[in-house]
Amino acid sequence: LDVAGAIYLLRQLPLKDDLQVCFDVYGVRRMWRM
């Protein structure tokens, strides 16, 4: 994902208690694992 679009994808996740999420995201010329 990218940082600008990641929040919109998070808004569509089936959020519930203890849901685990993991993804790679581009930000500041680097890749990060969230």
PDB file of all heavy atoms in Angstrom:
ATOM      1  N   LEU A   1       0.832  -1.195   0.000  1.00  0.00           N
ATOM      2  CA  LEU A   1       0.000   0.000   0.000  1.00  0.00           C
ATOM      3  C   LEU A   1       0.870   1.248   0.000  1.00  0.00           C
ATOM      4  O   LEU A   1       2.089   1.171   0.114  1.00  0.00           O
ATOM      5  CB  LEU A   1      -0.902   0.018   1.248  1.00  0.00           C
ATOM      6  CG  LEU A   1      -1.692  -1.263   1.562  1.00  0.00           C
ATOM      7  CD1 LEU A   1      -2.482  -1.076   2.849  1.00  0.00           C
ATOM      8  CD2 LEU A   1      -2.611  -1.639   0.410  1.00  0.00           C
ATOM      9  N   ASP A   2       0.221   2.405  -0.125  1.00  0.00           N
ATOM     10  CA  ASP A   2       0.907   3.678   0.041  1.00  0.00           C
ATOM     11  C   ASP A   2       0.273   4.397   1.224  1.00  0.00           C
ATOM     12  O   ASP A   2      -0.859   4.091   1.604  1.00  0.00           O
ATOM     13  CB  ASP A   2       0.793   4.541  -1.223  1.00  0.00           C
ATOM     14  CG  ASP A   2      -0.645   4.956  -1.468  1.00  0.00           C
ATOM     15  OD1 ASP A   2      -1.054   5.987  -0.908  1.00  0.00           O
ATOM     16  OD2 ASP A   2      -1.368   4.249  -2.200  1.00  0.00           O
ATOM     17  N   VAL A   3       0.982   5.361   1.802  1.00  0.00           N
ATOM     18  CA  VAL A   3       0.462   6.006   3.003  1.00  0.00           C
ATOM     19  C   VAL A   3      -0.819   6.791   2.758  1.00  0.00           C
ATOM     20  O   VAL A   3      -1.669   6.896   3.643  1.00  0.00           O
ATOM     21  CB  VAL A   3       1.517   6.924   3.646  1.00  0.00           C
ATOM     22  CG1 VAL A   3       2.627   6.110   4.267  1.00  0.00           C
ATOM     23  CG2 VAL A   3       2.082   7.900   2.641  1.00  0.00           C
ATOM     24  N   ALA A   4      -0.973   7.383   1.585  1.00  0.00           N
ATOM     25  CA  ALA A   4      -2.163   8.194   1.330  1.00  0.00           C
ATOM     26  C   ALA A   4      -3.405   7.340   1.142  1.00  0.00           C
ATOM     27  O   ALA A   4      -4.510   7.739   1.511  1.00  0.00           O
ATOM     28  CB  ALA A   4      -1.953   9.081   0.109  1.00  0.00           C
ATOM     29  N   GLY A   5      -3.265   6.147   0.589  1.00  0.00           N
ATOM     30  CA  GLY A   5      -4.425   5.295   0.351  1.00  0.00           C
ATOM     31  C   GLY A   5      -4.691   4.297   1.461  1.00  0.00           C
ATOM     32  O   GLY A   5      -5.794   3.751   1.549  1.00  0.00           O
ATOM     33  N   ALA A   6      -3.702   4.072   2.340  1.00  0.00           N
ATOM     34  CA  ALA A   6      -3.845   3.020   3.349  1.00  0.00           C
ATOM     35  C   ALA A   6      -5.027   3.250   4.276  1.00  0.00           C
ATOM     36  O   ALA A   6      -5.732   2.311   4.648  1.00  0.00           O
ATOM     37  CB  ALA A   6      -2.559   2.901   4.165  1.00  0.00           C
ATOM     38  N   ILE A   7      -5.283   4.505   4.651  1.00  0.00           N
ATOM     39  CA  ILE A   7      -6.370   4.760   5.585  1.00  0.00           C
ATOM     40  C   ILE A   7      -7.721   4.413   4.972  1.00  0.00           C
ATOM     41  O   ILE A   7      -8.637   3.956   5.660  1.00  0.00           O
ATOM     42  CB  ILE A   7      -6.360   6.228   6.054  1.00  0.00           C
ATOM     43  CG1 ILE A   7      -7.426   6.457   7.123  1.00  0.00           C
ATOM     44  CG2 ILE A   7      -6.578   7.186   4.902  1.00  0.00           C
ATOM     45  CD1 ILE A   7      -7.228   5.607   8.366  1.00  0.00           C
ATOM     46  N   TYR A   8      -7.866   4.583   3.655  1.00  0.00           N
ATOM     47  CA  TYR A   8      -9.134   4.260   3.011  1.00  0.00           C
ATOM     48  C   TYR A   8      -9.350   2.759   2.977  1.00  0.00           C
ATOM     49  O   TYR A   8     -10.488   2.278   3.105  1.00  0.00           O
ATOM     50  CB  TYR A   8      -9.183   4.880   1.615  1.00  0.00           C
ATOM     51  CG  TYR A   8      -9.325   6.384   1.700  1.00  0.00           C
ATOM     52  CD1 TYR A   8      -8.216   7.203   1.850  1.00  0.00           C
ATOM     53  CD2 TYR A   8     -10.580   6.982   1.681  1.00  0.00           C
ATOM     54  CE1 TYR A   8      -8.343   8.578   1.973  1.00  0.00           C
ATOM     55  CE2 TYR A   8     -10.725   8.350   1.800  1.00  0.00           C
ATOM     56  CZ  TYR A   8      -9.602   9.147   1.957  1.00  0.00           C
ATOM     57  OH  TYR A   8      -9.735  10.504   2.094  1.00  0.00           O
ATOM     58  N   LEU A   9      -8.280   2.002   2.814  1.00  0.00           N
ATOM     59  CA  LEU A   9      -8.415   0.552   2.875  1.00  0.00           C
ATOM     60  C   LEU A   9      -8.753   0.110   4.299  1.00  0.00           C
ATOM     61  O   LEU A   9      -9.610  -0.755   4.504  1.00  0.00           O
ATOM     62  CB  LEU A   9      -7.136  -0.129   2.388  1.00  0.00           C
ATOM     63  CG  LEU A   9      -7.231  -1.651   2.238  1.00  0.00           C
ATOM     64  CD1 LEU A   9      -6.406  -2.114   1.039  1.00  0.00           C
ATOM     65  CD2 LEU A   9      -6.767  -2.367   3.488  1.00  0.00           C
ATOM     66  N   LEU A  10      -8.119   0.730   5.296  1.00  0.00           N
ATOM     67  CA  LEU A  10      -8.420   0.388   6.686  1.00  0.00           C
ATOM     68  C   LEU A  10      -9.885   0.641   7.007  1.00  0.00           C
ATOM     69  O   LEU A  10     -10.507  -0.090   7.794  1.00  0.00           O
ATOM     70  CB  LEU A  10      -7.544   1.198   7.635  1.00  0.00           C
ATOM     71  CG  LEU A  10      -6.075   0.790   7.739  1.00  0.00           C
ATOM     72  CD1 LEU A  10      -5.339   1.717   8.694  1.00  0.00           C
ATOM     73  CD2 LEU A  10      -5.939  -0.650   8.208  1.00  0.00           C
ATOM     74  N   ARG A  11     -10.461   1.681   6.407  1.00  0.00           N
ATOM     75  CA  ARG A  11     -11.868   1.994   6.655  1.00  0.00           C
ATOM     76  C   ARG A  11     -12.794   0.880   6.172  1.00  0.00           C
ATOM     77  O   ARG A  11     -13.941   0.780   6.613  1.00  0.00           O
ATOM     78  CB  ARG A  11     -12.246   3.315   5.970  1.00  0.00           C
ATOM     79  CG  ARG A  11     -11.572   4.521   6.590  1.00  0.00           C
ATOM     80  CD  ARG A  11     -11.785   5.787   5.758  1.00  0.00           C
ATOM     81  NE  ARG A  11     -13.176   6.239   5.767  1.00  0.00           N
ATOM     82  CZ  ARG A  11     -13.600   7.312   5.100  1.00  0.00           C
ATOM     83  NH1 ARG A  11     -12.743   8.026   4.370  1.00  0.00           N
ATOM     84  NH2 ARG A  11     -14.873   7.662   5.157  1.00  0.00           N
ATOM     85  N   GLN A  12     -12.315   0.056   5.225  1.00  0.00           N
ATOM     86  CA  GLN A  12     -13.151  -1.009   4.663  1.00  0.00           C
ATOM     87  C   GLN A  12     -12.884  -2.371   5.270  1.00  0.00           C
ATOM     88  O   GLN A  12     -13.534  -3.350   4.894  1.00  0.00           O
ATOM     89  CB  GLN A  12     -12.923  -1.084   3.152  1.00  0.00           C
ATOM     90  CG  GLN A  12     -13.437   0.111   2.382  1.00  0.00           C
ATOM     91  CD  GLN A  12     -14.905   0.386   2.634  1.00  0.00           C
ATOM     92  OE1 GLN A  12     -15.299   1.518   2.903  1.00  0.00           O
ATOM     93  NE2 GLN A  12     -15.741  -0.645   2.568  1.00  0.00           N
ATOM     94  N   LEU A  13     -11.958  -2.470   6.214  1.00  0.00           N
ATOM     95  CA  LEU A  13     -11.698  -3.764   6.834  1.00  0.00           C
ATOM     96  C   LEU A  13     -12.827  -4.138   7.785  1.00  0.00           C
ATOM     97  O   LEU A  13     -13.472  -3.269   8.374  1.00  0.00           O
ATOM     98  CB  LEU A  13     -10.371  -3.734   7.595  1.00  0.00           C
ATOM     99  CG  LEU A  13      -9.098  -3.598   6.761  1.00  0.00           C
ATOM    100  CD1 LEU A  13      -7.873  -3.631   7.672  1.00  0.00           C
ATOM    101  CD2 LEU A  13      -9.003  -4.694   5.704  1.00  0.00           C
ATOM    102  N   PRO A  14     -13.089  -5.430   7.973  1.00  0.00           N
ATOM    103  CA  PRO A  14     -14.132  -5.880   8.906  1.00  0.00           C
ATOM    104  C   PRO A  14     -13.609  -5.780  10.337  1.00  0.00           C
ATOM    105  O   PRO A  14     -13.251  -6.779  10.973  1.00  0.00           O
ATOM    106  CB  PRO A  14     -14.370  -7.330   8.479  1.00  0.00           C
ATOM    107  CG  PRO A  14     -13.049  -7.778   7.933  1.00  0.00           C
ATOM    108  CD  PRO A  14     -12.468  -6.565   7.251  1.00  0.00           C
ATOM    109  N   LEU A  15     -13.555  -4.554  10.865  1.00  0.00           N
ATOM    110  CA  LEU A  15     -12.963  -4.311  12.180  1.00  0.00           C
ATOM    111  C   LEU A  15     -13.746  -5.022  13.289  1.00  0.00           C
ATOM    112  O   LEU A  15     -14.970  -4.992  13.318  1.00  0.00           O
ATOM    113  CB  LEU A  15     -12.893  -2.810  12.447  1.00  0.00           C
ATOM    114  CG  LEU A  15     -12.068  -1.997  11.440  1.00  0.00           C
ATOM    115  CD1 LEU A  15     -12.164  -0.513  11.754  1.00  0.00           C
ATOM    116  CD2 LEU A  15     -10.622  -2.466  11.407  1.00  0.00           C
ATOM    117  N   LYS A  16     -13.012  -5.648  14.194  1.00  0.00           N
ATOM    118  CA  LYS A  16     -13.596  -6.334  15.349  1.00  0.00           C
ATOM    119  C   LYS A  16     -12.498  -6.507  16.383  1.00  0.00           C
ATOM    120  O   LYS A  16     -11.302  -6.344  16.084  1.00  0.00           O
ATOM    121  CB  LYS A  16     -14.167  -7.698  14.942  1.00  0.00           C
ATOM    122  CG  LYS A  16     -13.130  -8.647  14.338  1.00  0.00           C
ATOM    123  CD  LYS A  16     -13.763  -9.957  13.906  1.00  0.00           C
ATOM    124  CE  LYS A  16     -12.696 -10.894  13.306  1.00  0.00           C
ATOM    125  NZ  LYS A  16     -13.306 -12.172  12.883  1.00  0.00           N
ATOM    126  N   ASP A  17     -12.890  -6.839  17.611  1.00  0.00           N
ATOM    127  CA  ASP A  17     -11.901  -7.015  18.666  1.00  0.00           C
ATOM    128  C   ASP A  17     -10.840  -8.032  18.268  1.00  0.00           C
ATOM    129  O   ASP A  17     -11.154  -9.112  17.749  1.00  0.00           O
ATOM    130  CB  ASP A  17     -12.585  -7.496  19.955  1.00  0.00           C
ATOM    131  CG  ASP A  17     -13.383  -6.389  20.632  1.00  0.00           C
ATOM    132  OD1 ASP A  17     -13.142  -5.212  20.312  1.00  0.00           O
ATOM    133  OD2 ASP A  17     -14.245  -6.709  21.465  1.00  0.00           O
ATOM    134  N   ASP A  18      -9.577  -7.648  18.510  1.00  0.00           N
ATOM    135  CA  ASP A  18      -8.416  -8.526  18.318  1.00  0.00           C
ATOM    136  C   ASP A  18      -8.121  -8.866  16.860  1.00  0.00           C
ATOM    137  O   ASP A  18      -7.306  -9.754  16.594  1.00  0.00           O
ATOM    138  CB  ASP A  18      -8.573  -9.838  19.117  1.00  0.00           C
ATOM    139  CG  ASP A  18      -8.711  -9.575  20.619  1.00  0.00           C
ATOM    140  OD1 ASP A  18      -8.009  -8.675  21.116  1.00  0.00           O
ATOM    141  OD2 ASP A  18      -9.514 -10.270  21.264  1.00  0.00           O
ATOM    142  N   LEU A  19      -8.749  -8.181  15.905  1.00  0.00           N
ATOM    143  CA  LEU A  19      -8.405  -8.421  14.505  1.00  0.00           C
ATOM    144  C   LEU A  19      -6.949  -8.042  14.270  1.00  0.00           C
ATOM    145  O   LEU A  19      -6.504  -6.948  14.625  1.00  0.00           O
ATOM    146  CB  LEU A  19      -9.300  -7.585  13.590  1.00  0.00           C
ATOM    147  CG  LEU A  19      -8.954  -7.647  12.091  1.00  0.00           C
ATOM    148  CD1 LEU A  19      -9.299  -9.016  11.527  1.00  0.00           C
ATOM    149  CD2 LEU A  19      -9.671  -6.548  11.317  1.00  0.00           C
ATOM    150  N   GLN A  20      -6.175  -8.949  13.679  1.00  0.00           N
ATOM    151  CA  GLN A  20      -4.764  -8.701  13.383  1.00  0.00           C
ATOM    152  C   GLN A  20      -4.622  -8.207  11.942  1.00  0.00           C
ATOM    153  O   GLN A  20      -5.267  -8.730  11.029  1.00  0.00           O
ATOM    154  CB  GLN A  20      -3.951  -9.995  13.550  1.00  0.00           C
ATOM    155  CG  GLN A  20      -4.046 -10.614  14.940  1.00  0.00           C
ATOM    156  CD  GLN A  20      -3.416  -9.746  16.008  1.00  0.00           C
ATOM    157  OE1 GLN A  20      -2.272  -9.313  15.883  1.00  0.00           O
ATOM    158  NE2 GLN A  20      -4.156  -9.508  17.090  1.00  0.00           N
ATOM    159  N   VAL A  21      -3.794  -7.195  11.750  1.00  0.00           N
ATOM    160  CA  VAL A  21      -3.546  -6.667  10.409  1.00  0.00           C
ATOM    161  C   VAL A  21      -2.040  -6.564  10.180  1.00  0.00           C
ATOM    162  O   VAL A  21      -1.285  -6.246  11.091  1.00  0.00           O
ATOM    163  CB  VAL A  21      -4.206  -5.290  10.190  1.00  0.00           C
ATOM    164  CG1 VAL A  21      -5.716  -5.405  10.238  1.00  0.00           C
ATOM    165  CG2 VAL A  21      -3.721  -4.276  11.214  1.00  0.00           C
ATOM    166  N   CYS A  22      -1.630  -6.830   8.953  1.00  0.00           N
ATOM    167  CA  CYS A  22      -0.228  -6.737   8.591  1.00  0.00           C
ATOM    168  C   CYS A  22      -0.140  -6.416   7.105  1.00  0.00           C
ATOM    169  O   CYS A  22      -0.814  -7.055   6.287  1.00  0.00           O
ATOM    170  CB  CYS A  22       0.501  -8.053   8.899  1.00  0.00           C
ATOM    171  SG  CYS A  22       2.291  -8.011   8.555  1.00  0.00           S
ATOM    172  N   PHE A  23       0.651  -5.414   6.760  1.00  0.00           N
ATOM    173  CA  PHE A  23       0.824  -5.050   5.359  1.00  0.00           C
ATOM    174  C   PHE A  23       2.100  -4.238   5.209  1.00  0.00           C
ATOM    175  O   PHE A  23       2.638  -3.699   6.182  1.00  0.00           O
ATOM    176  CB  PHE A  23      -0.384  -4.255   4.842  1.00  0.00           C
ATOM    177  CG  PHE A  23      -0.720  -3.028   5.649  1.00  0.00           C
ATOM    178  CD1 PHE A  23      -0.115  -1.798   5.405  1.00  0.00           C
ATOM    179  CD2 PHE A  23      -1.668  -3.106   6.674  1.00  0.00           C
ATOM    180  CE1 PHE A  23      -0.437  -0.677   6.142  1.00  0.00           C
ATOM    181  CE2 PHE A  23      -1.998  -1.977   7.426  1.00  0.00           C
ATOM    182  CZ  PHE A  23      -1.376  -0.759   7.157  1.00  0.00           C
ATOM    183  N   ASP A  24       2.592  -4.145   3.980  1.00  0.00           N
ATOM    184  CA  ASP A  24       3.747  -3.310   3.672  1.00  0.00           C
ATOM    185  C   ASP A  24       3.238  -1.999   3.096  1.00  0.00           C
ATOM    186  O   ASP A  24       2.257  -1.975   2.346  1.00  0.00           O
ATOM    187  CB  ASP A  24       4.667  -4.003   2.659  1.00  0.00           C
ATOM    188  CG  ASP A  24       5.349  -5.234   3.248  1.00  0.00           C
ATOM    189  OD1 ASP A  24       5.336  -5.377   4.484  1.00  0.00           O
ATOM    190  OD2 ASP A  24       5.876  -6.052   2.478  1.00  0.00           O
ATOM    191  N   VAL A  25       3.906  -0.895   3.450  1.00  0.00           N
ATOM    192  CA  VAL A  25       3.434   0.415   3.021  1.00  0.00           C
ATOM    193  C   VAL A  25       4.621   1.282   2.627  1.00  0.00           C
ATOM    194  O   VAL A  25       5.658   1.277   3.290  1.00  0.00           O
ATOM    195  CB  VAL A  25       2.587   1.083   4.128  1.00  0.00           C
ATOM    196  CG1 VAL A  25       3.373   1.219   5.418  1.00  0.00           C
ATOM    197  CG2 VAL A  25       2.054   2.423   3.680  1.00  0.00           C
ATOM    198  N   TYR A  26       4.454   2.006   1.522  1.00  0.00           N
ATOM    199  CA  TYR A  26       5.484   2.942   1.068  1.00  0.00           C
ATOM    200  C   TYR A  26       5.306   4.277   1.791  1.00  0.00           C
ATOM    201  O   TYR A  26       4.194   4.814   1.872  1.00  0.00           O
ATOM    202  CB  TYR A  26       5.381   3.171  -0.441  1.00  0.00           C
ATOM    203  CG  TYR A  26       6.219   4.349  -0.881  1.00  0.00           C
ATOM    204  CD1 TYR A  26       7.581   4.205  -1.131  1.00  0.00           C
ATOM    205  CD2 TYR A  26       5.664   5.630  -0.976  1.00  0.00           C
ATOM    206  CE1 TYR A  26       8.360   5.299  -1.485  1.00  0.00           C
ATOM    207  CE2 TYR A  26       6.431   6.724  -1.326  1.00  0.00           C
ATOM    208  CZ  TYR A  26       7.784   6.549  -1.571  1.00  0.00           C
ATOM    209  OH  TYR A  26       8.555   7.639  -1.899  1.00  0.00           O
ATOM    210  N   GLY A  27       6.410   4.837   2.295  1.00  0.00           N
ATOM    211  CA  GLY A  27       6.384   6.151   2.918  1.00  0.00           C
ATOM    212  C   GLY A  27       7.786   6.713   3.052  1.00  0.00           C
ATOM    213  O   GLY A  27       8.700   6.033   3.508  1.00  0.00           O
ATOM    214  N   VAL A  28       7.971   7.942   2.612  1.00  0.00           N
ATOM    215  CA  VAL A  28       9.250   8.645   2.712  1.00  0.00           C
ATOM    216  C   VAL A  28      10.360   7.858   2.010  1.00  0.00           C
ATOM    217  O   VAL A  28      11.413   7.596   2.562  1.00  0.00           O
ATOM    218  CB  VAL A  28       9.632   8.930   4.175  1.00  0.00           C
ATOM    219  CG1 VAL A  28      10.749   9.973   4.255  1.00  0.00           C
ATOM    220  CG2 VAL A  28       8.440   9.441   4.951  1.00  0.00           C
ATOM    221  N   ARG A  29      10.085   7.471   0.788  1.00  0.00           N
ATOM    222  CA  ARG A  29      11.033   6.790  -0.088  1.00  0.00           C
ATOM    223  C   ARG A  29      11.434   5.402   0.387  1.00  0.00           C
ATOM    224  O   ARG A  29      12.378   4.814  -0.150  1.00  0.00           O
ATOM    225  CB  ARG A  29      12.284   7.647  -0.315  1.00  0.00           C
ATOM    226  CG  ARG A  29      12.007   8.910  -1.113  1.00  0.00           C
ATOM    227  CD  ARG A  29      13.283   9.623  -1.509  1.00  0.00           C
ATOM    228  NE  ARG A  29      13.950  10.193  -0.351  1.00  0.00           N
ATOM    229  CZ  ARG A  29      15.240  10.059  -0.105  1.00  0.00           C
ATOM    230  NH1 ARG A  29      16.004   9.370  -0.913  1.00  0.00           N
ATOM    231  NH2 ARG A  29      15.776  10.634   0.946  1.00  0.00           N
ATOM    232  N   ARG A  30      10.762   4.872   1.383  1.00  0.00           N
ATOM    233  CA  ARG A  30      11.116   3.560   1.927  1.00  0.00           C
ATOM    234  C   ARG A  30       9.876   2.684   2.054  1.00  0.00           C
ATOM    235  O   ARG A  30       8.748   3.147   1.994  1.00  0.00           O
ATOM    236  CB  ARG A  30      11.773   3.699   3.309  1.00  0.00           C
ATOM    237  CG  ARG A  30      12.965   4.643   3.333  1.00  0.00           C
ATOM    238  CD  ARG A  30      14.123   4.157   2.471  1.00  0.00           C
ATOM    239  NE  ARG A  30      15.256   5.084   2.532  1.00  0.00           N
ATOM    240  CZ  ARG A  30      16.354   4.950   1.802  1.00  0.00           C
ATOM    241  NH1 ARG A  30      16.467   3.951   0.961  1.00  0.00           N
ATOM    242  NH2 ARG A  30      17.333   5.834   1.916  1.00  0.00           N
ATOM    243  N   MET A  31      10.119   1.384   2.247  1.00  0.00           N
ATOM    244  CA  MET A  31       9.038   0.447   2.516  1.00  0.00           C
ATOM    245  C   MET A  31       9.077   0.073   3.992  1.00  0.00           C
ATOM    246  O   MET A  31      10.138  -0.175   4.565  1.00  0.00           O
ATOM    247  CB  MET A  31       9.169  -0.810   1.649  1.00  0.00           C
ATOM    248  CG  MET A  31       8.945  -0.573   0.165  1.00  0.00           C
ATOM    249  SD  MET A  31       7.290   0.067  -0.244  1.00  0.00           S
ATOM    250  CE  MET A  31       6.255  -1.338   0.217  1.00  0.00           C
ATOM    251  N   TRP A  32       7.885   0.036   4.597  1.00  0.00           N
ATOM    252  CA  TRP A  32       7.734  -0.286   6.000  1.00  0.00           C
ATOM    253  C   TRP A  32       6.753  -1.449   6.143  1.00  0.00           C
ATOM    254  O   TRP A  32       5.834  -1.600   5.336  1.00  0.00           O
ATOM    255  CB  TRP A  32       7.172   0.904   6.777  1.00  0.00           C
ATOM    256  CG  TRP A  32       7.955   2.176   6.629  1.00  0.00           C
ATOM    257  CD1 TRP A  32       8.052   2.958   5.510  1.00  0.00           C
ATOM    258  CD2 TRP A  32       8.744   2.812   7.629  1.00  0.00           C
ATOM    259  NE1 TRP A  32       8.855   4.053   5.762  1.00  0.00           N
ATOM    260  CE2 TRP A  32       9.290   3.986   7.052  1.00  0.00           C
ATOM    261  CE3 TRP A  32       9.033   2.510   8.965  1.00  0.00           C
ATOM    262  CZ2 TRP A  32      10.108   4.851   7.770  1.00  0.00           C
ATOM    263  CZ3 TRP A  32       9.837   3.380   9.680  1.00  0.00           C
ATOM    264  CH2 TRP A  32      10.376   4.524   9.087  1.00  0.00           C
ATOM    265  N   ARG A  33       6.945  -2.263   7.174  1.00  0.00           N
ATOM    266  CA  ARG A  33       5.972  -3.323   7.463  1.00  0.00           C
ATOM    267  C   ARG A  33       5.171  -2.907   8.690  1.00  0.00           C
ATOM    268  O   ARG A  33       5.714  -2.711   9.772  1.00  0.00           O
ATOM    269  CB  ARG A  33       6.662  -4.663   7.706  1.00  0.00           C
ATOM    270  CG  ARG A  33       5.668  -5.828   7.941  1.00  0.00           C
ATOM    271  CD  ARG A  33       6.264  -7.152   7.502  1.00  0.00           C
ATOM    272  NE  ARG A  33       6.530  -7.119   6.060  1.00  0.00           N
ATOM    273  CZ  ARG A  33       7.484  -7.839   5.462  1.00  0.00           C
ATOM    274  NH1 ARG A  33       8.268  -8.636   6.174  1.00  0.00           N
ATOM    275  NH2 ARG A  33       7.651  -7.758   4.145  1.00  0.00           N
ATOM    276  N   MET A  34       3.874  -2.758   8.491  1.00  0.00           N
ATOM    277  CA  MET A  34       2.972  -2.365   9.572  1.00  0.00           C
ATOM    278  C   MET A  34       2.320  -3.608  10.155  1.00  0.00           C
ATOM    279  O   MET A  34       1.598  -4.329   9.455  1.00  0.00           O
ATOM    280  CB  MET A  34       1.905  -1.412   9.041  1.00  0.00           C
ATOM    281  CG  MET A  34       0.819  -1.078  10.037  1.00  0.00           C
ATOM    282  SD  MET A  34       1.423  -0.157  11.456  1.00  0.00           S
ATOM    283  CE  MET A  34       1.592   1.467  10.706  1.00  0.00           C
TER     284      MET A  34
END
